[in-house]
C-alpha cells in the first residue's frame, strides 16, 4: 500500500474497499464511446466451470471449487483492453510456459455491459414509439 506496483501469487482479501486508478472525467482524453456493444456482448459466453488439471499444475488452482467467468479469448476479440497475460505465466513480460495464458480484468468489462444495456433500452424505446 502506498508503494510501487507489486504482484502476488496468492489470494488477496480485503476487509474494506479496494480502489485503483481514477475515473475522474477531468483526467481523461481521447474519449470514445464503446460501439456495437450488443454485438460484442453477444460474442461472449458466461459460464460456470471447474479448473482443469493444467490449471492446477501450473497455478495451483483448486479443481474442486466451482467458478464463474468468461473465456479470455472471446473477450480479447471484442474488448482487448480488458485481457492481459495470466500473472502465473509471466516473468519479465515473457510467457513462462510459452503458452501465453490469459486473464480478464473483470472490472473493465463493466463499461461494455453498461453500453449494451443502454443500447438495448434505446432499441426497446424506439420499438415502442414505432408501435404507437
Protein backbone atom coordinates (compact mmCIF):
# COMPACT_ATOMS: atom_id res chain seq x y z
CA UNK A 1 0.00 0.00 0.00
CA UNK A 2 1.42 3.37 -0.97
CA UNK A 3 4.31 1.77 -2.85
CA UNK A 4 5.12 0.84 -6.42
CA UNK A 5 3.23 -1.90 -8.19
CA UNK A 6 3.75 -5.44 -6.99
CA UNK A 7 2.33 -8.84 -7.82
CA UNK A 8 1.25 -11.73 -5.68
CA UNK A 9 0.87 -15.39 -6.44
CA UNK A 10 -1.58 -15.81 -3.57
CA UNK A 11 -5.06 -14.71 -2.73
CA UNK A 12 -5.74 -11.15 -1.65
CA UNK A 13 -8.63 -10.49 0.69
CA UNK A 14 -9.65 -7.01 1.77
CA UNK A 15 -11.91 -6.11 4.66
CA UNK A 16 -12.55 -2.66 3.23
CA UNK A 17 -12.89 -1.05 -0.21
CA UNK A 18 -10.31 -1.68 -2.90
CA UNK A 19 -9.70 1.40 -5.05
CA UNK A 20 -7.44 1.55 -8.09
CA UNK A 21 -6.70 4.10 -10.81
CA UNK A 22 -9.04 7.07 -11.21
CA UNK A 23 -12.33 7.55 -13.04
CA UNK A 24 -12.48 11.33 -12.95
CA UNK A 25 -13.65 12.85 -16.25
CA UNK A 26 -11.06 15.62 -15.93
CA UNK A 27 -8.21 13.11 -16.17
CA UNK A 28 -9.24 11.55 -19.49
CA UNK A 29 -8.59 12.40 -23.13
CA UNK A 30 -9.16 10.68 -26.49
CA UNK A 31 -12.52 9.52 -25.10
CA UNK A 32 -14.52 7.36 -27.50
CA UNK A 33 -17.80 5.54 -26.85
CA UNK A 34 -17.85 1.75 -26.94
CA UNK A 35 -19.60 0.96 -30.21
CA UNK A 36 -21.61 -2.11 -31.16
CA UNK A 37 -21.87 -3.10 -27.51
CA UNK A 38 -24.76 -5.55 -28.02
CA UNK A 39 -22.92 -7.30 -30.84
CA UNK A 40 -19.80 -7.53 -28.67
CA UNK A 41 -21.68 -8.89 -25.65
CA UNK A 42 -23.40 -11.43 -27.89
CA UNK A 43 -19.96 -12.87 -28.72
CA UNK A 44 -19.29 -13.63 -25.05
CA UNK A 45 -20.31 -16.73 -23.12
CA UNK A 46 -20.84 -16.56 -19.39
CA UNK A 47 -20.41 -19.91 -17.68
CA UNK A 48 -19.69 -21.80 -14.52
CA UNK A 49 -16.75 -24.21 -14.55
CA UNK A 50 -14.05 -26.04 -12.64
CA UNK A 51 -10.34 -25.56 -13.26
CA UNK A 52 -8.70 -28.44 -15.14
CA UNK A 53 -5.54 -30.36 -14.23
CA UNK A 54 -3.31 -28.00 -16.24
CA UNK A 55 -4.56 -25.02 -14.20
CA UNK A 56 -3.98 -26.95 -11.00
CA UNK A 57 -0.44 -27.97 -12.02
CA UNK A 58 0.64 -24.57 -13.41
CA UNK A 59 -1.05 -22.19 -11.00
CA UNK A 60 -2.20 -24.26 -8.04
CA UNK A 61 -5.87 -23.53 -8.75
CA UNK A 62 -8.40 -25.59 -6.78
CA UNK A 63 -10.17 -28.00 -9.15
CA UNK A 64 -12.95 -28.68 -6.62
CA UNK A 65 -14.16 -25.09 -6.35
CA UNK A 66 -16.92 -24.05 -8.78
CA UNK A 67 -16.07 -20.80 -10.58
CA UNK A 68 -17.91 -18.31 -12.81
CA UNK A 69 -16.44 -16.39 -15.72
CA UNK A 70 -15.87 -15.74 -19.41
CA UNK A 71 -13.31 -17.02 -21.92
CA UNK A 72 -10.46 -14.51 -22.20
CA UNK A 73 -10.01 -15.31 -25.89
CA UNK A 74 -13.64 -14.34 -26.63
CA UNK A 75 -13.31 -11.07 -24.73
CA UNK A 76 -9.96 -10.32 -26.38
CA UNK A 77 -11.74 -10.20 -29.75
CA UNK A 78 -14.21 -7.52 -28.63
CA UNK A 79 -12.52 -5.68 -25.73
CA UNK A 80 -8.76 -6.36 -25.78
CA UNK A 81 -8.13 -3.64 -23.16
CA UNK A 82 -9.61 -5.98 -20.53
CA UNK A 83 -7.40 -9.00 -21.34
CA UNK A 84 -3.87 -9.46 -20.04
CA UNK A 85 -1.28 -12.21 -19.61
CA UNK A 86 -2.12 -14.50 -16.68
CA UNK A 87 0.06 -13.49 -13.73
CA UNK A 88 1.17 -17.07 -13.03
CA UNK A 89 2.56 -17.31 -16.59
CA UNK A 90 4.54 -14.06 -16.81
CA UNK A 91 8.12 -13.31 -15.88
CA UNK A 92 9.64 -10.07 -17.14
CA UNK A 93 6.89 -9.71 -19.72
CA UNK A 94 7.52 -13.14 -21.27
CA UNK A 95 5.34 -16.25 -21.03
CA UNK A 96 6.97 -18.74 -18.67
CA UNK A 97 5.15 -21.70 -20.19
CA UNK A 98 5.37 -20.49 -23.78
CA UNK A 99 1.57 -20.90 -23.96
CA UNK A 100 0.69 -17.23 -23.36
CA UNK A 101 -2.16 -17.95 -20.93
CA UNK A 102 -4.60 -15.05 -20.49
CA UNK A 103 -6.70 -13.48 -17.76
CA UNK A 104 -9.51 -10.93 -17.63
CA UNK A 105 -9.65 -7.69 -15.69
CA UNK A 106 -13.35 -8.11 -14.97
CA UNK A 107 -13.92 -4.55 -13.75
CA UNK A 108 -13.04 -3.37 -17.25
CA UNK A 109 -15.97 -5.38 -18.66
CA UNK A 110 -18.50 -3.20 -16.80
CA UNK A 111 -18.39 -0.27 -19.30
CA UNK A 112 -19.16 -2.69 -22.15
CA UNK A 113 -22.13 -4.08 -20.22
CA UNK A 114 -23.39 -0.56 -19.43
CA UNK A 115 -23.29 0.39 -23.10
CA UNK A 116 -25.03 -2.85 -24.10
CA UNK A 117 -27.84 -2.15 -21.60
CA UNK A 118 -28.16 1.44 -22.81
CA UNK A 119 -28.29 0.28 -26.44
CA UNK A 120 -30.95 -2.31 -25.68
CA UNK A 121 -33.04 0.23 -23.75
CA UNK A 122 -32.85 2.68 -26.70
CA UNK A 123 -33.92 -0.06 -29.11
CA UNK A 124 -36.87 -1.02 -26.90
CA UNK A 125 -37.91 2.63 -26.62
CA UNK A 126 -37.65 3.11 -30.41
CA UNK A 127 -39.73 -0.03 -30.99
CA UNK A 128 -42.41 1.17 -28.57
CA UNK A 129 -42.57 4.60 -30.24
CA UNK A 130 -42.97 2.98 -33.68
CA UNK A 131 -45.79 0.77 -32.41
CA UNK A 132 -47.87 3.81 -31.31
